[in-house]
Protein backbone atom coordinates (compact mmCIF):
# COMPACT_ATOMS: atom_id res chain seq x y z
CA UNK A 1 -15.33 -2.38 37.54
CA UNK A 2 -13.40 -1.20 34.46
CA UNK A 3 -10.58 -3.48 33.36
CA UNK A 4 -7.91 -1.18 31.88
CA UNK A 5 -6.17 -4.05 30.07
CA UNK A 6 -9.36 -4.96 28.20
CA UNK A 7 -10.02 -1.31 27.39
CA UNK A 8 -6.48 -0.91 26.07
CA UNK A 9 -6.96 -3.95 23.84
CA UNK A 10 -10.25 -2.62 22.44
CA UNK A 11 -8.94 0.78 21.30
CA UNK A 12 -8.03 1.14 17.64
CA UNK A 13 -4.64 2.68 16.89
CA UNK A 14 -4.64 6.14 15.35
CA UNK A 15 -1.86 6.61 12.80
CA UNK A 16 -0.95 10.12 11.69
CA UNK A 17 0.17 10.02 8.06
CA UNK A 18 0.94 13.73 7.84
CA UNK A 19 4.26 14.02 6.07
CA UNK A 20 4.10 10.59 4.43
CA UNK A 21 4.39 12.15 0.98
CA UNK A 22 7.76 13.70 1.83
CA UNK A 23 11.02 12.28 0.54
CA UNK A 24 11.99 11.26 4.10
CA UNK A 25 12.47 7.50 3.77
CA UNK A 26 12.97 7.07 7.51
CA UNK A 27 9.53 8.60 8.18
CA UNK A 28 7.95 6.45 5.47
CA UNK A 29 9.44 3.28 6.96
CA UNK A 30 8.25 4.24 10.47
CA UNK A 31 4.71 4.77 9.17
CA UNK A 32 4.79 1.49 7.26
CA UNK A 33 5.85 -0.31 10.44
CA UNK A 34 3.04 1.32 12.44
CA UNK A 35 0.48 0.31 9.81
CA UNK A 36 1.83 -3.25 9.67
CA UNK A 37 1.72 -3.51 13.48
CA UNK A 38 -1.84 -2.15 13.63
CA UNK A 39 -2.98 -4.64 10.98
CA UNK A 40 -1.29 -7.51 12.79
CA UNK A 41 -2.54 -6.56 16.26
CA UNK A 42 -6.05 -5.24 15.60
CA UNK A 43 -6.87 -5.76 11.93
CA UNK A 44 -8.01 -2.13 11.72
CA UNK A 45 -6.63 1.36 12.32
CA UNK A 46 -7.69 4.99 12.02
CA UNK A 47 -5.82 7.35 9.70
CA UNK A 48 -5.20 10.90 10.82
CA UNK A 49 -3.95 13.68 8.55
CA UNK A 50 -3.21 17.33 9.26
CA UNK A 51 -3.69 19.66 6.32
CA UNK A 52 -2.52 23.24 6.48
CA UNK A 53 -4.18 25.67 4.11
CA UNK A 54 -2.33 28.93 3.62
CA UNK A 55 -3.97 31.67 1.64
């Protein structure tokens, strides 16, 4: 039987860094906290970025 607690613990966090390069210091601090937490909890994380190309 699948143990949901173990599965939850085995999943790597996905951190979306879209918008990190903005001047929004609040957003930058939130992302830094998420990265710090992921490193502390798991040791690894997955970065996600959304890029819009307008032509």
